[in-house]
Amino acid sequence: MFVGFDYGSANCAVGVMEGEGTRLLPLSADSDYLPSTLYALDRELIAEAVYRQLPTHLKADYARARSAQLSRARLARRELDLDADEQAVFVGEQAVKAYLDMPEEGFYVRSPKSFLGATGLRTDQVALFEDIVTMMMQHIKQVAESKQGINSANSITHAVIGRPVNFQGIGGEESNKQAEAILRLAAKRAGFTDVDFLFEPLAAGMDFEAGLDDDKVVLVVDVGGGTTDCSVVKMGPSHIGTKDRSGDFLGHSGQRVGGNDLDIALSMKAFMAHMGLGCHMVNGLPVPSKPFWNAVAVNDISAQRDFSSLSSRKMIEELIKDAKRPELLSRLLKVQQDQLGYRIVRSAEQAKIALSDNEAVTMQLGYICSELSADVSRELFADAVTAPSAKIEALMQQALATAGVEPDVIYVTGGTARSPAIYDKIAGMYPEIPIVVGDHFGSVTAGLTRWAQKVFS
């Protein structure tokens, strides 16, 4: 059985063909989408969880490759006083709940896809991300099969997986190869026997293409959780039946800028002043901004490592001694000690979503300080995301410049494009070109599913 598999930065989804259309399989209790998150009571326990769910023929090789991690996992179980079969690794909404219950005790990663193309990863870090992605894919595959009533004799074996045009802007093709290799290996370990990849903006456009009556040149703008991809594609009845679409793919661009970046930028603008950003020391110098940025830079491995370090804690303690508003810096120390950076960014994400339907919202930050709240308006949000918005605009211009043609229509998709600030930016660039807004969350999965039918049928 084949599926379209959107392993997204913000959410994951799986689609199947149903007649001439596509259908998303429910992956959560009340949703077709699974949040791209993982939480483990101890990092070493991830390898153990992967091993337990591996296909039998892969276990021996994996055990040799992860012998050190599996040994440390046994030790971690004893130290945490966990029963042999007690769940220690959580995925999706269960991971979010576990993190909110115990933010300072475990290992939490949000949007692991954002890290896959990172430059300078050590061998052990690559291995960790292989295991994180494998664990998530194992879980998603099992849930999808259970929802379909599929048994081992008729399991999901083939998948087309979406990928951004560029996983990491600065790493170029080497970053893309690294990320794709991680995804391919994880899919194999999760039990997929054959996988193919398709650019996400092209996948999003394929779902749109299914409803076209005439041939058109389409600029697809896919603003996702971790990346923005733009593609200029020939679409329509003359093209939809072709398996090799390379000749229709006129230009593309992509960069790791998306909803996560908007959430981080909003965190800095709306929340960090309540923790001392912009304040001054008694000597008149401003409080350094680096620890505030590191606190919320949840898609930057080195920043997170730096913020969680003992030296960072000591630096904040020293700042408190010499700050004019020490009570504000004490809140930043609380964030560092309890590892609340992800929770702050989650609050920013909730504010961003709420602003799609409201001019202003008030976010409660009582987990940092009792009765602490912050007002967030659409105007403040638009100001906060000026830099990432400019990057999205530049990507659209780059794709069109590469294609050398003017599109007949702009097709906008991706969850982040729901934000009025981002949509207004896109719509304002080419006001004379019609804009079609697709399914913000499901279009990529639907396109991947249609492509899987072409590739594997």
Protein backbone atom coordinates (compact mmCIF):
# COMPACT_ATOMS: atom_id res chain seq x y z
CA MET A 1 0.00 0.00 0.00
CA PHE A 2 1.26 3.50 -0.84
CA VAL A 3 0.73 6.84 0.92
CA GLY A 4 1.69 10.47 0.66
CA PHE A 5 3.69 11.37 3.76
CA ASP A 6 4.13 15.00 4.79
CA TYR A 7 6.83 14.92 7.47
CA GLY A 8 6.40 18.59 8.27
CA SER A 9 8.22 21.06 10.47
CA ALA A 10 5.06 21.90 12.40
CA ASN A 11 2.79 18.92 11.74
CA CYS A 12 2.86 15.52 10.05
CA ALA A 13 0.12 14.07 7.87
CA VAL A 14 -0.51 10.94 5.79
CA GLY A 15 -2.81 10.70 2.78
CA VAL A 16 -4.35 7.84 0.77
CA MET A 17 -6.23 7.79 -2.52
CA GLU A 18 -9.99 7.37 -2.28
CA GLY A 19 -11.57 7.11 -5.70
CA GLU A 20 -10.41 10.12 -7.73
CA GLY A 21 -9.72 12.14 -4.60
CA THR A 22 -7.44 11.99 -1.57
CA ARG A 23 -8.16 11.50 2.09
CA LEU A 24 -6.03 12.28 5.12
CA LEU A 25 -5.79 9.59 7.78
CA PRO A 26 -6.44 10.71 11.38
CA LEU A 27 -3.17 10.70 13.32
CA SER A 28 -4.36 12.23 16.60
CA ALA A 29 -7.37 11.79 18.83
CA ASP A 30 -9.32 14.58 17.11
CA SER A 31 -7.14 15.61 14.19
CA ASP A 32 -5.65 14.42 10.91
CA TYR A 33 -2.38 16.08 11.94
CA LEU A 34 0.30 15.08 14.42
CA PRO A 35 2.46 17.84 15.96
CA SER A 36 6.13 17.42 14.99
CA THR A 37 7.40 16.97 18.52
CA LEU A 38 9.13 14.33 20.61
CA TYR A 39 9.74 14.11 24.34
CA ALA A 40 11.87 11.53 26.14
CA LEU A 41 12.41 11.10 29.87
CA ASP A 42 16.07 10.66 28.92
CA ARG A 43 17.68 11.19 25.52
CA GLU A 44 19.30 7.75 25.50
CA LEU A 45 15.88 6.11 25.77
CA ILE A 46 15.05 7.17 22.19
CA ALA A 47 17.42 4.56 20.73
CA GLU A 48 15.84 1.92 22.96
CA ALA A 49 12.34 2.86 21.77
CA VAL A 50 13.46 2.72 18.14
CA TYR A 51 15.08 -0.69 18.61
CA ARG A 52 11.96 -2.21 20.14
CA GLN A 53 9.85 -1.29 17.10
CA LEU A 54 12.36 -2.12 14.35
CA PRO A 55 11.61 -4.80 11.76
CA THR A 56 13.29 -8.00 12.94
CA HIS A 57 15.78 -8.14 10.06
CA LEU A 58 17.17 -4.70 10.97
CA LYS A 59 17.63 -5.20 14.70
CA ALA A 60 21.09 -6.81 14.69
CA ASP A 61 22.72 -4.09 12.59
CA TYR A 62 21.01 -1.35 14.57
CA ALA A 63 22.09 -2.87 17.91
CA ARG A 64 25.71 -2.85 16.74
CA ALA A 65 25.47 0.75 15.51
CA ARG A 66 23.79 1.97 18.72
CA SER A 67 25.43 -0.32 21.29
CA ALA A 68 26.63 2.58 23.44
CA GLN A 69 23.24 4.32 23.43
CA LEU A 70 21.38 1.10 24.22
CA SER A 71 23.73 0.43 27.12
CA ARG A 72 23.19 3.94 28.48
CA ALA A 73 19.43 3.49 28.02
CA ARG A 74 19.45 0.50 30.37
CA LEU A 75 21.30 2.59 32.93
CA ALA A 76 18.84 5.48 32.47
CA ARG A 77 15.89 3.16 33.14
CA ARG A 78 17.45 2.08 36.42
CA GLU A 79 18.25 5.66 37.45
CA LEU A 80 14.72 6.84 36.62
CA ASP A 81 13.22 3.77 38.32
CA LEU A 82 11.23 2.84 35.21
CA ASP A 83 9.70 -0.56 34.67
CA ALA A 84 11.05 -2.53 31.72
CA ASP A 85 7.99 -1.82 29.57
CA GLU A 86 7.07 1.62 30.93
CA GLN A 87 6.69 4.22 28.18
CA ALA A 88 9.55 6.72 28.22
CA VAL A 89 9.35 8.35 24.78
CA PHE A 90 6.33 10.30 23.54
CA VAL A 91 5.40 11.68 20.11
CA GLY A 92 2.99 14.37 18.95
CA GLU A 93 0.39 15.75 21.33
CA GLN A 94 1.53 13.25 23.99
CA ALA A 95 5.02 14.78 23.74
CA VAL A 96 3.63 18.29 24.17
CA LYS A 97 1.66 17.22 27.24
CA ALA A 98 4.65 15.44 28.78
CA TYR A 99 6.86 18.48 28.20
CA LEU A 100 4.34 20.89 29.75
CA ASP A 101 4.06 18.58 32.77
CA MET A 102 7.84 18.13 33.17
CA PRO A 103 9.72 20.82 31.16
CA GLU A 104 12.90 20.65 33.22
CA GLU A 105 13.20 16.87 33.56
CA GLY A 106 13.34 15.38 30.07
CA PHE A 107 14.53 15.88 26.50
CA TYR A 108 12.17 17.77 24.20
CA VAL A 109 12.56 18.59 20.53
CA ARG A 110 10.12 20.59 18.43
CA SER A 111 10.28 20.60 14.62
CA PRO A 112 13.17 18.13 14.24
CA LYS A 113 12.92 18.51 10.46
CA SER A 114 14.35 22.02 10.88
CA PHE A 115 17.64 20.52 12.08
CA LEU A 116 18.16 17.80 9.47
CA GLY A 117 20.13 19.96 7.06
CA ALA A 118 22.13 21.81 9.73
CA THR A 119 25.80 22.24 8.93
CA GLY A 120 28.48 21.03 11.31
CA LEU A 121 26.50 18.22 12.92
CA ARG A 122 28.72 15.69 14.67
CA THR A 123 28.30 11.97 13.94
CA ASP A 124 26.49 11.43 17.23
CA GLN A 125 24.13 14.33 16.49
CA VAL A 126 23.26 12.92 13.07
CA ALA A 127 22.60 9.56 14.76
CA LEU A 128 20.31 11.26 17.29
CA PHE A 129 18.24 12.91 14.57
CA GLU A 130 18.08 9.62 12.67
CA ASP A 131 16.56 8.07 15.78
CA ILE A 132 14.17 10.97 16.44
CA VAL A 133 12.81 10.86 12.89
CA THR A 134 12.65 7.05 12.93
CA MET A 135 10.70 7.05 16.20
CA MET A 136 8.22 9.57 14.82
CA MET A 137 7.81 7.68 11.55
CA GLN A 138 7.32 4.39 13.39
CA HIS A 139 4.57 5.96 15.47
CA ILE A 140 2.87 7.63 12.49
CA LYS A 141 2.99 4.47 10.38
CA GLN A 142 1.48 2.37 13.18
CA VAL A 143 -1.31 4.89 13.84
CA ALA A 144 -2.09 5.24 10.12
CA GLU A 145 -2.26 1.46 9.69
CA SER A 146 -4.48 1.04 12.73
CA LYS A 147 -6.89 3.68 11.42
CA GLN A 148 -7.07 1.83 8.10
CA GLY A 149 -7.51 -1.56 9.76
CA ILE A 150 -4.34 -2.78 8.09
CA ASN A 151 -2.48 -5.85 9.32
CA SER A 152 1.14 -6.87 8.81
CA ALA A 153 0.26 -8.83 5.70
CA ASN A 154 -1.12 -5.71 4.02
CA SER A 155 0.84 -2.87 5.59
CA ILE A 156 1.87 0.54 4.28
CA THR A 157 5.09 -0.15 2.41
CA HIS A 158 5.55 2.68 -0.10
CA ALA A 159 5.56 6.43 0.50
CA VAL A 160 6.29 9.69 -1.28
CA ILE A 161 7.77 12.03 1.30
CA GLY A 162 7.71 15.79 0.86
CA ARG A 163 10.89 17.81 1.12
CA PRO A 164 11.61 21.54 0.91
CA VAL A 165 13.62 22.90 -1.97
CA ASN A 166 16.39 23.66 0.52
CA PHE A 167 16.49 22.21 4.03
CA GLN A 168 19.13 24.72 5.11
CA GLY A 169 19.92 27.95 3.28
CA ILE A 170 23.64 28.08 4.01
CA GLY A 171 24.48 24.42 3.50
CA GLY A 172 23.47 24.14 -0.13
CA GLU A 173 23.19 20.75 -1.74
CA GLU A 174 25.30 19.05 0.94
CA SER A 175 22.67 19.99 3.53
CA ASN A 176 19.94 18.67 1.25
CA LYS A 177 21.77 15.35 0.80
CA GLN A 178 22.32 15.02 4.56
CA ALA A 179 18.67 15.71 5.36
CA GLU A 180 17.33 13.41 2.64
CA ALA A 181 19.67 10.61 3.77
CA ILE A 182 18.34 10.92 7.33
CA LEU A 183 14.75 10.75 6.09
CA ARG A 184 15.45 7.81 3.80
CA LEU A 185 17.19 5.78 6.51
CA ALA A 186 14.49 6.61 9.07
CA ALA A 187 11.76 5.51 6.62
CA LYS A 188 13.55 2.20 6.05
CA ARG A 189 13.87 1.60 9.79
CA ALA A 190 10.21 2.51 10.25
CA GLY A 191 9.23 -0.28 7.86
CA PHE A 192 8.82 1.42 4.48
CA THR A 193 10.31 -0.72 1.73
CA ASP A 194 10.41 2.01 -0.92
CA VAL A 195 10.28 5.80 -0.68
CA ASP A 196 10.46 8.65 -3.15
CA PHE A 197 10.75 12.40 -2.59
CA LEU A 198 8.92 15.36 -4.09
CA PHE A 199 9.39 19.08 -3.58
CA GLU A 200 6.66 20.29 -1.23
CA PRO A 201 5.58 23.34 -3.28
CA LEU A 202 5.19 21.13 -6.34
CA ALA A 203 3.11 18.71 -4.27
CA ALA A 204 0.93 21.56 -3.04
CA GLY A 205 0.42 22.73 -6.61
CA MET A 206 -0.57 19.26 -7.82
CA ASP A 207 -3.66 19.28 -5.64
CA PHE A 208 -4.58 22.68 -7.08
CA GLU A 209 -3.87 21.39 -10.59
CA ALA A 210 -6.41 18.60 -10.20
CA GLY A 211 -9.17 21.21 -10.38
CA LEU A 212 -7.84 23.24 -13.35
CA ASP A 213 -9.77 23.28 -16.64
CA ASP A 214 -7.09 25.16 -18.60
CA ASP A 215 -3.29 25.16 -18.69
CA LYS A 216 -1.71 27.87 -16.53
CA VAL A 217 1.67 29.01 -15.23
CA VAL A 218 1.34 28.93 -11.45
CA LEU A 219 3.55 30.47 -8.77
CA VAL A 220 3.14 28.17 -5.78
CA VAL A 221 4.02 29.82 -2.47
CA ASP A 222 4.20 27.29 0.37
CA VAL A 223 4.89 28.98 3.71
CA GLY A 224 5.25 26.14 6.19
CA GLY A 225 6.33 25.76 9.77
CA GLY A 226 10.03 25.52 9.06
CA THR A 227 10.59 26.45 5.42
CA THR A 228 9.20 28.59 2.64
CA ASP A 229 9.29 27.18 -0.87
CA CYS A 230 8.28 28.88 -4.10
CA SER A 231 7.90 27.13 -7.44
CA VAL A 232 6.85 28.31 -10.89
CA VAL A 233 5.13 25.37 -12.56
CA LYS A 234 3.20 24.70 -15.77
CA MET A 235 -0.08 23.11 -14.72
CA GLY A 236 -3.31 21.95 -16.23
CA PRO A 237 -4.94 19.20 -18.31
CA SER A 238 -1.96 18.95 -20.70
CA HIS A 239 0.49 18.28 -17.88
CA ILE A 240 -1.34 16.42 -15.11
CA GLY A 241 -0.98 12.95 -16.62
CA THR A 242 2.78 13.15 -17.15
CA LYS A 243 5.00 11.16 -14.78
CA ASP A 244 8.14 13.17 -15.50
CA ARG A 245 7.26 16.77 -14.64
CA SER A 246 10.82 18.14 -14.77
CA GLY A 247 10.04 20.06 -17.97
CA ASP A 248 7.09 21.80 -16.29
CA PHE A 249 9.18 22.92 -13.32
CA LEU A 250 10.33 26.38 -14.51
CA GLY A 251 11.94 27.78 -11.40
CA HIS A 252 12.11 27.37 -7.68
CA SER A 253 13.54 28.82 -4.51
CA GLY A 254 13.49 27.78 -0.89
CA GLN A 255 14.91 28.71 2.47
CA ARG A 256 14.58 27.69 6.09
CA VAL A 257 12.22 30.48 7.06
CA GLY A 258 8.67 29.80 8.17
CA GLY A 259 6.27 29.68 11.06
CA ASN A 260 8.95 28.76 13.58
CA ASP A 261 10.88 31.91 12.69
CA LEU A 262 7.74 34.02 13.08
CA ASP A 263 7.10 32.48 16.50
CA ILE A 264 10.67 33.15 17.61
CA ALA A 265 10.57 36.74 16.34
CA LEU A 266 7.25 37.34 18.09
CA SER A 267 8.62 35.84 21.31
CA MET A 268 11.46 38.35 21.25
CA LYS A 269 9.23 41.32 20.43
CA ALA A 270 6.23 40.60 22.64
CA PHE A 271 7.56 38.66 25.63
CA MET A 272 11.24 39.27 26.26
CA ALA A 273 10.82 42.85 27.50
CA HIS A 274 8.98 41.29 30.45
CA MET A 275 12.17 39.35 31.21
CA GLY A 276 14.63 42.24 30.97
CA LEU A 277 15.36 42.71 27.27
CA GLY A 278 15.93 46.42 26.61
CA CYS A 279 16.72 47.21 30.24
CA HIS A 280 20.01 48.68 31.45
CA MET A 281 22.71 47.87 33.95
CA VAL A 282 23.54 50.23 36.80
CA ASN A 283 26.54 51.43 34.77
CA GLY A 284 24.19 52.58 32.01
CA LEU A 285 25.03 49.86 29.49
CA PRO A 286 22.17 47.85 27.98
CA VAL A 287 21.58 44.29 29.11
CA PRO A 288 23.10 42.01 26.41
CA SER A 289 20.49 40.53 24.08
CA LYS A 290 22.22 37.21 23.36
CA PRO A 291 20.77 35.19 26.28
CA PHE A 292 17.25 36.31 25.36
CA TRP A 293 17.72 35.19 21.78
CA ASN A 294 19.28 31.89 22.81
CA ALA A 295 16.33 31.24 25.12
CA VAL A 296 13.82 31.17 22.25
CA ALA A 297 15.99 30.09 19.29
CA VAL A 298 14.48 26.61 19.40
CA ASN A 299 15.59 25.81 15.84
CA ASP A 300 19.26 26.53 16.56
CA ILE A 301 21.16 23.67 18.22
CA SER A 302 24.15 25.72 19.35
CA ALA A 303 21.94 28.48 20.79
CA GLN A 304 19.91 25.98 22.81
CA ARG A 305 23.04 24.26 24.05
CA ASP A 306 24.53 27.60 25.06
CA PHE A 307 21.42 28.74 26.92
CA SER A 308 21.08 25.51 28.88
CA SER A 309 24.72 25.55 30.01
CA LEU A 310 25.95 26.30 33.52
CA SER A 311 27.96 29.26 32.22
CA SER A 312 24.76 30.82 30.85
CA ARG A 313 23.06 30.43 34.21
CA LYS A 314 26.00 32.08 36.00
CA MET A 315 26.02 34.94 33.49
CA ILE A 316 22.32 35.65 34.09
CA GLU A 317 22.92 35.53 37.85
CA GLU A 318 25.68 38.12 37.44
CA LEU A 319 23.43 40.31 35.31
CA ILE A 320 20.78 40.21 38.02
CA LYS A 321 23.27 41.60 40.55
CA ASP A 322 24.08 44.62 38.38
CA ALA A 323 20.75 45.27 36.61
CA LYS A 324 18.51 48.26 37.26
CA ARG A 325 15.51 45.94 37.05
CA PRO A 326 16.79 42.73 38.65
CA GLU A 327 13.26 41.40 39.12
CA LEU A 328 12.86 41.18 35.34
CA LEU A 329 16.14 39.31 34.84
CA SER A 330 15.05 36.89 37.56
CA ARG A 331 12.29 35.80 35.19
CA LEU A 332 14.91 35.00 32.53
CA LEU A 333 16.76 32.92 35.12
CA LYS A 334 13.54 31.02 35.75
CA VAL A 335 13.28 30.32 32.01
CA GLN A 336 16.87 29.02 31.99
CA GLN A 337 16.56 26.87 35.09
CA ASP A 338 13.23 25.29 34.09
CA GLN A 339 13.99 25.09 30.34
CA LEU A 340 10.92 27.09 29.39
CA GLY A 341 12.14 28.36 26.01
CA TYR A 342 9.95 25.98 24.03
CA ARG A 343 6.96 26.93 26.11
CA ILE A 344 7.52 30.64 25.41
CA VAL A 345 7.70 29.97 21.68
CA ARG A 346 4.56 27.85 21.95
CA SER A 347 2.79 30.83 23.55
CA ALA A 348 3.94 32.98 20.63
CA GLU A 349 2.61 30.39 18.19
CA GLN A 350 -0.76 30.41 19.97
CA ALA A 351 -0.82 34.21 19.78
CA LYS A 352 0.01 34.10 16.05
CA ILE A 353 -2.85 31.67 15.41
CA ALA A 354 -5.29 33.74 17.48
CA LEU A 355 -4.35 36.88 15.56
CA SER A 356 -5.66 35.29 12.37
CA ASP A 357 -9.16 35.97 13.71
CA ASN A 358 -8.55 38.78 16.26
CA GLU A 359 -6.96 42.22 16.14
CA ALA A 360 -5.31 41.68 19.53
CA VAL A 361 -4.91 38.99 22.19
CA THR A 362 -3.59 38.76 25.73
CA MET A 363 -1.26 35.84 26.42
CA GLN A 364 -0.96 34.44 29.93
CA LEU A 365 2.65 33.73 30.98
CA GLY A 366 1.96 32.55 34.52
CA TYR A 367 4.35 29.63 34.06
CA ILE A 368 7.18 32.19 34.23
CA CYS A 369 5.82 34.51 36.89
CA SER A 370 2.50 34.56 38.71
CA GLU A 371 -0.11 36.70 36.93
CA LEU A 372 2.34 37.72 34.18
CA SER A 373 0.65 38.45 30.83
CA ALA A 374 1.53 40.17 27.56
CA ASP A 375 -0.65 42.00 25.04
CA VAL A 376 -0.05 41.11 21.40
CA SER A 377 -1.62 42.97 18.48
CA ARG A 378 -1.56 42.41 14.72
CA GLU A 379 0.46 45.60 14.40
CA LEU A 380 3.07 44.36 16.87
CA PHE A 381 3.19 40.98 15.11
CA ALA A 382 3.69 42.59 11.68
CA ASP A 383 6.53 44.68 13.10
CA ALA A 384 8.11 41.64 14.80
CA VAL A 385 8.17 39.56 11.60
CA THR A 386 9.53 42.22 9.26
CA ALA A 387 12.78 40.31 8.64
CA PRO A 388 11.28 36.86 7.91
CA SER A 389 8.54 38.50 5.81
CA ALA A 390 11.21 40.17 3.68
CA LYS A 391 12.88 36.78 3.15
CA ILE A 392 9.59 35.30 1.92
CA GLU A 393 9.19 38.20 -0.49
CA ALA A 394 12.74 37.67 -1.79
CA LEU A 395 12.07 33.97 -2.37
CA MET A 396 9.05 34.78 -4.53
CA GLN A 397 11.11 37.21 -6.60
CA GLN A 398 13.93 34.68 -6.93
CA ALA A 399 11.64 31.92 -8.22
CA LEU A 400 10.09 34.24 -10.81
CA ALA A 401 13.48 35.55 -11.90
CA THR A 402 14.71 31.98 -12.43
CA ALA A 403 11.59 31.06 -14.40
CA GLY A 404 11.70 34.17 -16.55
CA VAL A 405 7.93 34.25 -16.98
CA GLU A 406 5.01 35.97 -15.31
CA PRO A 407 2.53 33.61 -13.63
CA ASP A 408 -1.15 33.48 -14.49
CA VAL A 409 -2.06 32.83 -10.87
CA ILE A 410 -0.43 32.69 -7.42
CA TYR A 411 -1.39 29.66 -5.34
CA VAL A 412 -0.79 30.18 -1.62
CA THR A 413 -0.65 27.34 0.87
CA GLY A 414 1.01 26.34 4.14
CA GLY A 415 -0.20 26.91 7.69
CA THR A 416 1.87 30.05 8.20
CA ALA A 417 0.18 31.73 5.21
CA ARG A 418 -3.00 31.94 7.29
CA SER A 419 -1.42 34.84 9.16
CA PRO A 420 -2.86 38.13 7.84
CA ALA A 421 0.59 39.76 8.03
CA ILE A 422 2.08 37.11 5.74
CA TYR A 423 -0.87 36.91 3.36
CA ASP A 424 -0.96 40.71 2.99
CA LYS A 425 2.74 40.70 2.16
CA ILE A 426 2.24 38.07 -0.57
CA ALA A 427 -0.91 39.70 -2.00
CA GLY A 428 0.68 43.15 -2.04
CA MET A 429 3.66 42.12 -4.16
CA TYR A 430 1.76 41.43 -7.40
CA PRO A 431 -1.71 42.95 -6.98
CA GLU A 432 -2.56 42.45 -10.67
CA ILE A 433 -2.14 38.64 -10.47
CA PRO A 434 -5.07 36.58 -9.11
CA ILE A 435 -4.43 34.74 -5.84
CA VAL A 436 -5.94 31.40 -4.93
CA VAL A 437 -5.70 30.24 -1.32
CA GLY A 438 -5.50 26.48 -0.96
CA ASP A 439 -5.97 24.15 1.96
CA HIS A 440 -3.41 25.69 4.30
CA PHE A 441 -2.58 22.38 5.92
CA GLY A 442 -3.66 19.54 3.64
CA SER A 443 -2.62 20.52 0.12
CA VAL A 444 0.95 19.21 0.34
CA THR A 445 -0.19 15.83 1.65
CA ALA A 446 -2.85 15.57 -1.06
CA GLY A 447 -0.27 16.31 -3.77
CA LEU A 448 2.19 13.80 -2.34
CA THR A 449 -0.56 11.19 -2.37
CA ARG A 450 -1.41 11.86 -6.01
CA TRP A 451 2.28 11.60 -6.93
CA ALA A 452 2.58 8.34 -4.99
CA GLN A 453 -0.20 6.92 -7.16
CA LYS A 454 1.79 7.84 -10.27
CA VAL A 455 5.10 6.50 -8.93
CA PHE A 456 3.96 3.27 -7.27
CA SER A 457 0.79 2.15 -9.07
